[in-house]
Amino acid sequence: MSGFHADPVALDTLARRLEDTAEDHNAAATDIEAAGAGDLGPLTVSAALTALTGEWSGRIRAVQTDFATAAASVRTAATAYRTTDANAAEDLGRTDG
């Protein structure tokens, strides 16, 4: 044995934190998009602000996607560890070899 111990519960907790962070980024991007919408004065000002908020929103959504992807990967690892532990326990419990 390597002495390595995976903690699927801790991985689930981490995945939830990553998902929460992704949700926060999604909300921030939505708020920024709303800030750049509507009648914001002269057309040139409105167009510039729309372009700027669109750029910010895109960057924030990219980070949101990264957090969501990381959360999914961590959840996959937790599931893999649980499956491996269950299979090992089953194999060790067999008396027929």
Protein backbone atom coordinates (compact mmCIF):
# COMPACT_ATOMS: atom_id res chain seq x y z
CA MET A 1 0.00 0.00 0.00
CA SER A 2 1.18 3.49 -0.80
CA GLY A 3 -0.36 5.12 2.23
CA PHE A 4 -2.35 7.38 -0.08
CA HIS A 5 -5.88 8.05 1.08
CA ALA A 6 -8.45 9.75 -1.10
CA ASP A 7 -11.33 11.50 0.65
CA PRO A 8 -14.36 11.53 -1.68
CA VAL A 9 -16.36 13.63 0.80
CA ALA A 10 -13.67 16.32 0.74
CA LEU A 11 -13.66 16.15 -3.05
CA ASP A 12 -17.44 16.59 -3.10
CA THR A 13 -17.06 19.62 -0.83
CA LEU A 14 -14.44 21.10 -3.13
CA ALA A 15 -16.62 20.44 -6.18
CA ARG A 16 -19.54 22.25 -4.53
CA ARG A 17 -17.31 25.25 -3.73
CA LEU A 18 -16.14 25.34 -7.34
CA GLU A 19 -19.75 25.13 -8.56
CA ASP A 20 -20.73 27.97 -6.22
CA THR A 21 -17.87 30.07 -7.57
CA ALA A 22 -18.96 29.31 -11.13
CA GLU A 23 -22.51 30.41 -10.25
CA ASP A 24 -21.15 33.64 -8.75
CA HIS A 25 -19.23 34.36 -11.95
CA ASN A 26 -22.33 33.67 -14.02
CA ALA A 27 -24.30 36.16 -11.93
CA ALA A 28 -21.53 38.76 -12.26
CA ALA A 29 -21.45 38.36 -16.04
CA THR A 30 -25.22 38.73 -16.21
CA ASP A 31 -25.07 41.89 -14.09
CA ILE A 32 -22.37 43.38 -16.32
CA GLU A 33 -24.39 42.60 -19.44
CA ALA A 34 -27.41 44.33 -17.90
CA ALA A 35 -25.30 47.37 -17.02
CA GLY A 36 -24.37 47.80 -20.67
CA ALA A 37 -27.93 47.54 -21.95
CA GLY A 38 -30.55 50.20 -22.41
CA ASP A 39 -30.44 53.89 -23.16
CA LEU A 40 -27.06 55.04 -21.97
CA GLY A 41 -26.96 58.42 -23.64
CA PRO A 42 -25.39 59.35 -26.98
CA LEU A 43 -25.00 56.49 -29.44
CA THR A 44 -21.18 56.61 -29.35
CA VAL A 45 -21.13 56.36 -25.55
CA SER A 46 -23.71 53.60 -25.57
CA ALA A 47 -21.82 51.63 -28.23
CA ALA A 48 -18.52 51.98 -26.40
CA LEU A 49 -20.03 50.88 -23.11
CA THR A 50 -21.78 47.94 -24.76
CA ALA A 51 -18.50 46.82 -26.32
CA LEU A 52 -16.63 47.18 -23.04
CA THR A 53 -19.21 45.33 -20.95
CA GLY A 54 -19.39 42.63 -23.62
CA GLU A 55 -15.64 42.10 -23.35
CA TRP A 56 -15.78 41.95 -19.53
CA SER A 57 -18.73 39.62 -19.61
CA GLY A 58 -16.97 37.29 -22.05
CA ARG A 59 -13.88 37.09 -19.86
CA ILE A 60 -15.93 36.43 -16.74
CA ARG A 61 -17.94 33.73 -18.52
CA ALA A 62 -14.69 32.07 -19.60
CA VAL A 63 -13.58 31.92 -15.96
CA GLN A 64 -17.03 30.62 -15.01
CA THR A 65 -16.63 27.82 -17.55
CA ASP A 66 -13.21 26.96 -16.11
CA PHE A 67 -14.64 26.68 -12.59
CA ALA A 68 -17.58 24.57 -13.80
CA THR A 69 -15.21 22.27 -15.71
CA ALA A 70 -12.96 21.91 -12.68
CA ALA A 71 -15.98 21.07 -10.50
CA ALA A 72 -17.07 18.36 -12.92
CA SER A 73 -13.54 16.89 -12.96
CA VAL A 74 -13.38 16.84 -9.16
CA ARG A 75 -16.80 15.14 -8.99
CA THR A 76 -15.59 12.54 -11.51
CA ALA A 77 -12.53 11.87 -9.35
CA ALA A 78 -14.69 11.47 -6.23
CA THR A 79 -16.90 8.97 -8.05
CA ALA A 80 -13.87 7.06 -9.32
CA TYR A 81 -12.42 6.83 -5.80
CA ARG A 82 -15.74 5.62 -4.40
CA THR A 83 -16.05 2.99 -7.12
CA THR A 84 -12.48 1.82 -6.64
CA ASP A 85 -12.93 1.60 -2.87
CA ALA A 86 -16.18 -0.35 -3.24
CA ASN A 87 -14.63 -2.75 -5.74
CA ALA A 88 -11.56 -3.28 -3.56
CA ALA A 89 -13.72 -3.93 -0.50
CA GLU A 90 -15.79 -6.41 -2.47
CA ASP A 91 -12.69 -8.16 -3.83
CA LEU A 92 -11.09 -8.35 -0.38
CA GLY A 93 -14.31 -9.75 1.10
CA ARG A 94 -14.48 -12.67 -1.32
CA THR A 95 -13.42 -16.06 -0.07
CA ASP A 96 -13.47 -17.75 -3.47
CA GLY A 97 -10.42 -15.92 -4.74
